[in-house]
C-alpha cells in the first residue's frame, strides 16, 4: 500500500494485505504473504524499529518456519543448544544434547537475540513494504483508520499488534489480557566461554541461561508476585554461582522486568477479511519457549492458506484449522509448565525433583513432540 498521510491509501488491481504491527509475527506475516503473491504492507506505530526483549529459544518448529520464510542461512548461523533441568544449585535433574534434538525433530534448537531476529526479518521483508509511524486507531471491516488521518483499504487485514491488539479489540471485543500473577526479569550478559544452559528451579522461582553467540548469554528469573525491581537481588542467592555470575554481569539499566500475561483461547480469531496472528491471537506464558515460534508458524500457515485457496474466507478458515488447535494446546501447556516450575511447596518441589530424574530421556523428548514437531 502507498503511504499518504491524511489521505486515502488507494487500491490497485493486485491483492493487498495490510499487516498491523512490525514485531516478529507481523514481519514474518509480511514475508509469507509476499511469497504467496500478495502485495503486503506492514504498518507499525513506532517511528523507528526498536525491538525490545532479550533472548529467544527457537525450537525446531520455529527453525523450520524461518527456513520457509527464506532465513535458512541466518538461522543456520545461530548457536545450537540442548537443554537441562537443574536444581537451584545447578546440579542436573535431566538433560539432552543439541544433537539429540536435531536427530529427533529434523531441525535444531537454537538461541537468538530478539533484536537479531527482528533485524533479519525486517531485511527479508524490505523497507518498501514497511510503513513506520502509522498508529492504527480503528479497523472497520477492511478499512483501516490511522491516527494521522490516513485511511487504508485492504483485501486482507492481519492483526499482529501484540498483547493489547487494537485489531483484536475491534474484532472480538473480549477485554484485557489475563494477569498471570507471575513476573520475570530478563537480560543479556557478555560472558567469555561456555556456560551451563538450561533451567534452574528454586523455591517458587525459575531461572535459565541460553547461549546466543558472539559472547552473549540470555538469562531470565521468574517468580510469582508483584513486579519489584529489588526482587532480583532477593531471589538470586537461592541459585548456584554460574547463574548468579551471569546475571551480575548485566548492567542494571539493561535488566528488563515484565509482568506475564496470556488469554484464554478462543475458537475463532477471524471475521470477514480480518484475522489475528501471534500474541494478538493467542498470547501465552513463556514457560515452553514457544511464543515467537508459534507466531512464525502462524505466518507460514497464513501464507500457505492464501496461496492455496481461491477466496479470503476459505483461506482464513484453512489458516484457523491449521493453527487454532495447536496454539490452544500451547496456551494450556504453558500454564501447566508454569505451575510445575514455580512450585512454592517444599514437599511439592522435593517430589518433583525426585520424579524428574527417573523419567527416561526418550519419554522427556516425546513430551516435546506436540510442540517441536516430530520429523
Protein backbone atom coordinates (compact mmCIF):
# COMPACT_ATOMS: atom_id res chain seq x y z
CA UNK A 1 0.00 0.00 0.00
CA UNK A 2 1.12 3.50 -0.75
CA UNK A 3 1.64 5.69 2.29
CA UNK A 4 -0.21 9.02 2.10
CA UNK A 5 -0.70 10.90 5.34
CA UNK A 6 -4.12 12.45 5.75
CA UNK A 7 -5.44 10.93 2.52
CA UNK A 8 -6.91 7.69 1.33
CA UNK A 9 -4.47 4.88 0.61
CA UNK A 10 -5.75 3.80 -2.79
CA UNK A 11 -6.33 0.29 -4.11
CA UNK A 12 -4.60 -1.27 -7.07
CA UNK A 13 -5.68 -4.24 -9.15
CA UNK A 14 -3.50 -6.63 -7.14
CA UNK A 15 -4.46 -8.42 -3.95
CA UNK A 16 -3.45 -6.25 -1.00
CA UNK A 17 -2.78 -7.28 2.57
CA UNK A 18 -2.32 -4.90 5.48
CA UNK A 19 -0.42 -6.28 8.45
CA UNK A 20 -0.73 -4.25 11.64
CA UNK A 21 2.37 -4.45 13.84
CA UNK A 22 6.02 -4.93 12.92
CA UNK A 23 7.02 -7.36 15.63
CA UNK A 24 8.34 -10.82 14.85
CA UNK A 25 4.92 -12.16 13.83
CA UNK A 26 3.98 -9.12 11.76
CA UNK A 27 7.23 -9.03 9.80
CA UNK A 28 7.03 -12.79 9.23
CA UNK A 29 3.44 -12.41 8.01
CA UNK A 30 4.51 -9.71 5.58
CA UNK A 31 7.19 -12.01 4.17
CA UNK A 32 4.87 -15.03 3.93
CA UNK A 33 2.09 -13.06 2.21
CA UNK A 34 4.58 -11.58 -0.26
CA UNK A 35 5.86 -15.07 -1.00
CA UNK A 36 2.25 -16.05 -1.71
CA UNK A 37 1.98 -13.35 -4.36
CA UNK A 38 0.18 -10.70 -2.34
CA UNK A 39 1.10 -7.03 -2.12
CA UNK A 40 1.73 -6.90 1.63
CA UNK A 41 2.44 -3.80 3.69
CA UNK A 42 3.33 -3.90 7.37
CA UNK A 43 2.20 -0.89 9.42
CA UNK A 44 3.98 -0.04 12.67
CA UNK A 45 3.00 2.61 15.22
CA UNK A 46 6.58 3.42 16.26
CA UNK A 47 8.60 5.95 14.28
CA UNK A 48 11.55 3.56 14.19
CA UNK A 49 12.06 -0.15 14.71
CA UNK A 50 13.48 -0.65 18.18
CA UNK A 51 12.95 -4.30 19.15
CA UNK A 52 12.59 -4.85 22.86
CA UNK A 53 13.39 -8.03 24.72
CA UNK A 54 16.44 -10.18 25.17
CA UNK A 55 16.89 -13.79 24.08
CA UNK A 56 14.69 -16.37 22.41
CA UNK A 57 14.73 -20.15 22.35
CA UNK A 58 13.82 -21.08 18.80
CA UNK A 59 12.69 -24.69 18.83
CA UNK A 60 12.77 -26.93 15.73
CA UNK A 61 9.26 -25.86 14.69
CA UNK A 62 10.40 -22.22 14.73
CA UNK A 63 13.57 -23.09 12.81
CA UNK A 64 11.51 -24.79 10.10
CA UNK A 65 9.30 -21.72 9.87
CA UNK A 66 12.32 -19.45 9.47
CA UNK A 67 13.65 -21.69 6.73
CA UNK A 68 10.29 -21.46 4.94
CA UNK A 69 10.47 -17.67 5.20
CA UNK A 70 13.82 -17.63 3.42
CA UNK A 71 16.02 -17.21 6.50
CA UNK A 72 17.78 -20.58 6.33
CA UNK A 73 21.28 -19.08 6.26
CA UNK A 74 20.50 -16.75 9.14
CA UNK A 75 19.20 -19.47 11.43
CA UNK A 76 21.99 -21.87 10.39
CA UNK A 77 24.49 -19.44 11.90
CA UNK A 78 22.76 -19.43 15.31
CA UNK A 79 24.29 -21.50 18.13
CA UNK A 80 22.71 -24.91 18.54
CA UNK A 81 21.87 -25.93 22.06
CA UNK A 82 20.47 -28.73 24.15
CA UNK A 83 18.56 -28.37 27.38
CA UNK A 84 18.76 -29.22 31.03
CA UNK A 85 16.54 -29.08 34.10
CA UNK A 86 18.50 -28.21 37.23
CA UNK A 87 18.08 -27.83 40.94
CA UNK A 88 18.63 -24.35 42.28
CA UNK A 89 22.29 -25.12 42.97
CA UNK A 90 22.83 -26.05 39.32
CA UNK A 91 23.02 -29.84 39.70
CA UNK A 92 21.31 -31.61 36.81
CA UNK A 93 17.94 -33.34 37.12
CA UNK A 94 17.59 -34.16 33.42
CA UNK A 95 19.34 -33.08 30.22
CA UNK A 96 19.55 -33.69 26.48
CA UNK A 97 22.15 -32.65 23.93
CA UNK A 98 21.81 -30.49 20.84
CA UNK A 99 22.42 -33.44 18.53
CA UNK A 100 19.58 -35.44 20.11
CA UNK A 101 17.11 -32.63 19.44
CA UNK A 102 18.14 -32.28 15.81
CA UNK A 103 18.04 -36.02 15.22
CA UNK A 104 14.54 -36.41 16.65
CA UNK A 105 12.92 -33.26 15.23
CA UNK A 106 14.82 -32.77 11.99
CA UNK A 107 15.89 -29.27 12.94
CA UNK A 108 17.91 -27.81 15.81
CA UNK A 109 17.05 -25.88 18.94
CA UNK A 110 18.88 -22.55 18.69
CA UNK A 111 19.37 -19.39 20.74
CA UNK A 112 18.75 -16.00 19.11
CA UNK A 113 18.81 -12.44 20.35
CA UNK A 114 15.39 -10.95 19.68
CA UNK A 115 16.97 -7.88 18.06
CA UNK A 116 18.97 -10.05 15.63
CA UNK A 117 15.87 -11.98 14.57
CA UNK A 118 13.87 -8.78 14.23
CA UNK A 119 16.56 -7.20 12.06
CA UNK A 120 16.81 -10.29 9.84
CA UNK A 121 13.04 -10.39 9.31
CA UNK A 122 12.89 -6.66 8.53
CA UNK A 123 15.69 -7.04 5.96
CA UNK A 124 13.92 -10.00 4.34
CA UNK A 125 10.66 -8.03 4.15
CA UNK A 126 12.32 -4.97 2.65
CA UNK A 127 11.90 -1.30 3.63
CA UNK A 128 9.48 -0.66 0.75
CA UNK A 129 6.91 -2.89 2.47
CA UNK A 130 7.21 -1.28 5.90
CA UNK A 131 5.39 1.89 6.97
CA UNK A 132 6.52 3.39 10.27
CA UNK A 133 4.77 5.99 12.40
CA UNK A 134 1.34 4.59 11.43
CA UNK A 135 -0.68 4.04 14.60
CA UNK A 136 -3.97 2.27 13.99
CA UNK A 137 -6.96 3.87 15.70
CA UNK A 138 -9.67 1.62 14.35
CA UNK A 139 -10.30 -1.24 11.97
CA UNK A 140 -13.79 -1.32 10.46
CA UNK A 141 -14.19 -4.22 8.11
CA UNK A 142 -11.35 -3.89 5.62
CA UNK A 143 -10.97 -0.17 6.30
CA UNK A 144 -8.04 0.98 8.43
CA UNK A 145 -8.17 4.35 10.17
CA UNK A 146 -4.84 5.67 11.37
CA UNK A 147 -4.06 8.30 13.99
CA UNK A 148 -2.70 10.76 11.41
CA UNK A 149 -5.98 10.75 9.47
CA UNK A 150 -4.90 8.29 6.81
CA UNK A 151 -7.42 5.71 5.68
CA UNK A 152 -6.38 2.37 4.20
CA UNK A 153 -8.20 -0.37 2.34
CA UNK A 154 -7.05 -3.95 2.01
CA UNK A 155 -8.34 -7.27 0.76
CA UNK A 156 -6.91 -8.91 3.89
CA UNK A 157 -6.16 -7.35 7.29
CA UNK A 158 -3.85 -9.16 9.71
CA UNK A 159 -3.72 -8.02 13.32
CA UNK A 160 -0.20 -8.76 14.54
CA UNK A 161 -0.21 -5.91 17.01
CA UNK A 162 0.56 -7.82 20.16
CA UNK A 163 -0.92 -8.47 23.55
CA UNK A 164 -3.16 -5.39 23.63
CA UNK A 165 -4.13 -5.59 19.99
CA UNK A 166 -6.28 -2.81 18.55
CA UNK A 167 -7.40 -5.16 15.78
CA UNK A 168 -8.45 -7.80 18.31
CA UNK A 169 -10.39 -5.24 20.33
CA UNK A 170 -12.46 -4.35 17.27
CA UNK A 171 -12.77 -7.94 16.12
CA UNK A 172 -13.50 -9.83 19.35
CA UNK A 173 -14.05 -7.15 21.99
CA UNK A 174 -13.00 -9.55 24.72
CA UNK A 175 -11.30 -7.10 27.04
CA UNK A 176 -7.89 -7.07 28.63
CA UNK A 177 -5.43 -9.96 28.80
CA UNK A 178 -5.21 -12.11 31.92
CA UNK A 179 -2.62 -11.19 34.54
CA UNK A 180 -0.94 -14.47 35.49
CA UNK A 181 0.40 -13.15 38.79
CA UNK A 182 3.90 -14.03 37.54
CA UNK A 183 6.82 -11.74 36.83
CA UNK A 184 10.10 -12.20 35.01
CA UNK A 185 13.45 -10.45 34.91
CA UNK A 186 15.37 -10.80 31.64
CA UNK A 187 18.73 -9.70 30.39
CA UNK A 188 21.73 -10.40 28.16
CA UNK A 189 25.25 -10.53 29.55
CA UNK A 190 28.67 -10.65 27.92
CA UNK A 191 30.43 -13.82 29.01
CA UNK A 192 33.64 -15.41 27.74
CA UNK A 193 33.46 -19.14 27.10
CA UNK A 194 30.66 -21.63 27.60
CA UNK A 195 28.06 -21.51 30.36
CA UNK A 196 25.76 -24.30 31.58
CA UNK A 197 22.47 -23.89 29.70
CA UNK A 198 19.01 -24.88 30.81
CA UNK A 199 16.57 -24.02 33.56
CA UNK A 200 17.20 -23.79 37.32
CA UNK A 201 14.32 -24.49 39.73
CA UNK A 202 14.37 -22.64 43.01
CA UNK A 203 11.81 -22.14 45.79
CA UNK A 204 8.81 -20.74 43.90
CA UNK A 205 11.17 -19.43 41.23
CA UNK A 206 12.70 -20.47 37.92
CA UNK A 207 15.75 -19.16 36.13
CA UNK A 208 17.57 -20.01 32.92
CA UNK A 209 20.60 -19.46 30.71
CA UNK A 210 20.85 -19.65 26.90
CA UNK A 211 23.88 -19.04 24.67
CA UNK A 212 23.18 -16.51 21.92
CA UNK A 213 26.57 -16.47 20.21
CA UNK A 214 29.10 -13.63 19.93
CA UNK A 215 29.87 -13.92 23.63
CA UNK A 216 26.28 -13.16 24.68
CA UNK A 217 24.21 -15.14 27.17
CA UNK A 218 20.49 -14.65 27.72
CA UNK A 219 19.16 -15.13 31.24
CA UNK A 220 15.82 -14.91 32.99
CA UNK A 221 14.49 -15.18 36.54
CA UNK A 222 10.75 -15.71 37.06
CA UNK A 223 8.66 -15.63 40.22
CA UNK A 224 5.11 -15.17 41.49
CA UNK A 225 4.22 -11.77 42.92
CA UNK A 226 4.32 -8.10 42.12
CA UNK A 227 6.93 -6.56 39.79
CA UNK A 228 9.54 -5.12 42.17
CA UNK A 229 12.99 -4.11 40.86
CA UNK A 230 14.58 -5.07 44.20
CA UNK A 231 13.22 -8.63 43.95
CA UNK A 232 16.07 -9.77 41.70
CA UNK A 233 18.67 -9.25 44.43
CA UNK A 234 16.42 -11.10 46.87
CA UNK A 235 15.94 -14.10 44.55
CA UNK A 236 19.47 -14.62 43.23
CA UNK A 237 21.07 -16.08 46.42
CA UNK A 238 18.89 -19.19 46.01
CA UNK A 239 20.72 -20.11 42.80
CA UNK A 240 24.14 -21.55 42.07
CA UNK A 241 27.17 -19.37 41.27
CA UNK A 242 27.15 -19.97 37.49
CA UNK A 243 23.75 -18.36 37.10
CA UNK A 244 24.38 -15.58 39.61
CA UNK A 245 27.61 -14.57 37.89
CA UNK A 246 25.92 -14.21 34.52
CA UNK A 247 23.11 -12.08 35.93
CA UNK A 248 25.54 -9.87 37.82
CA UNK A 249 27.43 -9.12 34.59
CA UNK A 250 24.38 -7.35 33.18
CA UNK A 251 24.27 -3.54 33.62
CA UNK A 252 21.32 -2.63 35.81
CA UNK A 253 19.77 -0.32 33.23
CA UNK A 254 19.64 -3.22 30.74
CA UNK A 255 17.68 -5.56 33.01
CA UNK A 256 14.07 -5.92 31.86
CA UNK A 257 11.18 -6.51 34.27
CA UNK A 258 7.77 -7.61 32.99
CA UNK A 259 4.51 -8.92 34.32
CA UNK A 260 3.37 -12.02 32.44
CA UNK A 261 0.00 -12.16 30.70
CA UNK A 262 -1.94 -14.53 28.50
CA UNK A 263 -5.53 -15.01 27.34
CA UNK A 264 -7.98 -17.87 27.40
CA UNK A 265 -8.04 -19.44 23.92
CA UNK A 266 -10.86 -18.65 21.51
CA UNK A 267 -12.42 -20.96 18.92
CA UNK A 268 -12.03 -18.40 16.12
CA UNK A 269 -9.97 -15.23 15.69
CA UNK A 270 -11.10 -14.26 12.16
CA UNK A 271 -14.08 -12.32 10.86
CA UNK A 272 -14.74 -11.28 7.29
CA UNK A 273 -11.36 -10.47 5.76
CA UNK A 274 -9.67 -9.76 9.10
CA UNK A 275 -7.64 -12.19 11.19
CA UNK A 276 -5.14 -12.26 14.04
CA UNK A 277 -1.67 -13.70 14.45
CA UNK A 278 0.88 -14.28 17.22
CA UNK A 279 0.26 -12.58 20.56
CA UNK A 280 -2.77 -10.77 19.17
CA UNK A 281 -4.39 -14.17 18.60
CA UNK A 282 -3.04 -16.45 21.33
CA UNK A 283 -0.70 -14.85 23.88
CA UNK A 284 0.93 -17.46 26.09
CA UNK A 285 3.22 -17.66 29.09
CA UNK A 286 6.91 -18.18 28.22
CA UNK A 287 7.47 -21.46 30.06
CA UNK A 288 7.54 -23.62 26.92
CA UNK A 289 9.61 -21.14 24.91
CA UNK A 290 7.04 -21.17 22.10
CA UNK A 291 5.77 -17.59 21.82
CA UNK A 292 7.98 -16.48 18.94
CA UNK A 293 7.96 -19.95 17.37
CA UNK A 294 4.16 -20.06 17.23
CA UNK A 295 3.99 -16.57 15.68
CA UNK A 296 6.43 -17.67 12.97
CA UNK A 297 4.37 -20.80 12.35
CA UNK A 298 1.21 -18.68 12.16
CA UNK A 299 2.80 -16.56 9.44
CA UNK A 300 3.86 -19.56 7.38
CA UNK A 301 0.43 -21.17 7.74
CA UNK A 302 -1.34 -17.94 6.72
CA UNK A 303 0.88 -17.57 3.67
CA UNK A 304 0.22 -21.17 2.64
CA UNK A 305 -3.54 -20.74 3.11
CA UNK A 306 -3.86 -17.62 0.95
CA UNK A 307 -1.68 -19.23 -1.73
CA UNK A 308 -3.80 -22.38 -1.88
CA UNK A 309 -7.35 -21.03 -1.53
CA UNK A 310 -9.41 -19.08 -4.06
CA UNK A 311 -11.05 -16.74 -1.55
CA UNK A 312 -10.01 -14.88 1.58
CA UNK A 313 -12.82 -16.55 3.53
CA UNK A 314 -11.62 -20.02 2.55
CA UNK A 315 -8.02 -19.06 3.29
CA UNK A 316 -8.82 -17.81 6.78
CA UNK A 317 -10.85 -20.92 7.52
CA UNK A 318 -7.88 -23.07 6.48
CA UNK A 319 -5.49 -20.89 8.50
CA UNK A 320 -7.59 -21.31 11.63
CA UNK A 321 -7.96 -25.04 11.04
CA UNK A 322 -4.18 -25.29 10.95
CA UNK A 323 -3.41 -23.04 13.93
CA UNK A 324 -6.24 -22.78 16.48
CA UNK A 325 -5.88 -26.29 17.90
CA UNK A 326 -2.07 -26.33 18.33
CA UNK A 327 -1.93 -22.84 19.80
CA UNK A 328 -4.76 -23.65 22.22
CA UNK A 329 -2.65 -26.59 23.41
CA UNK A 330 0.37 -24.30 23.78
CA UNK A 331 -1.52 -21.81 25.96
CA UNK A 332 -2.70 -24.64 28.22
CA UNK A 333 0.69 -26.34 28.22
CA UNK A 334 2.47 -23.11 29.12
CA UNK A 335 0.17 -22.64 32.09
CA UNK A 336 0.82 -26.20 33.26
CA UNK A 337 4.55 -25.73 32.85
CA UNK A 338 4.43 -22.55 34.91
CA UNK A 339 2.69 -24.43 37.71
CA UNK A 340 5.31 -27.15 37.64
CA UNK A 341 8.38 -24.91 37.73
CA UNK A 342 7.16 -22.21 40.12
CA UNK A 343 6.20 -24.58 42.93
CA UNK A 344 6.16 -22.88 46.32
CA UNK A 345 5.51 -26.01 48.38
CA UNK A 346 8.71 -27.56 49.72
CA UNK A 347 7.16 -31.02 49.60
CA UNK A 348 5.95 -30.45 46.05
CA UNK A 349 9.41 -29.38 44.93
CA UNK A 350 11.01 -32.36 46.62
CA UNK A 351 8.64 -34.80 44.91
CA UNK A 352 9.12 -33.12 41.54
CA UNK A 353 12.89 -33.28 41.87
CA UNK A 354 12.69 -36.96 42.76
CA UNK A 355 10.45 -37.85 39.84
CA UNK A 356 12.14 -35.88 37.02
CA UNK A 357 15.47 -37.80 37.02
CA UNK A 358 13.56 -41.10 36.86
CA UNK A 359 11.75 -40.21 33.63
CA UNK A 360 13.59 -41.82 30.70
CA UNK A 361 15.19 -39.32 28.33
CA UNK A 362 13.22 -40.79 25.43
CA UNK A 363 9.97 -40.04 27.26
CA UNK A 364 11.06 -36.49 28.05
CA UNK A 365 11.70 -35.90 24.36
CA UNK A 366 8.36 -37.46 23.39
CA UNK A 367 6.67 -34.89 25.60
CA UNK A 368 8.05 -32.22 23.26
CA UNK A 369 6.65 -33.82 20.10
CA UNK A 370 3.37 -31.85 20.05
CA UNK A 371 5.27 -28.57 20.35
CA UNK A 372 8.54 -29.02 18.46
CA UNK A 373 7.07 -31.27 15.77
CA UNK A 374 8.50 -34.73 15.22
CA UNK A 375 10.44 -35.02 11.96
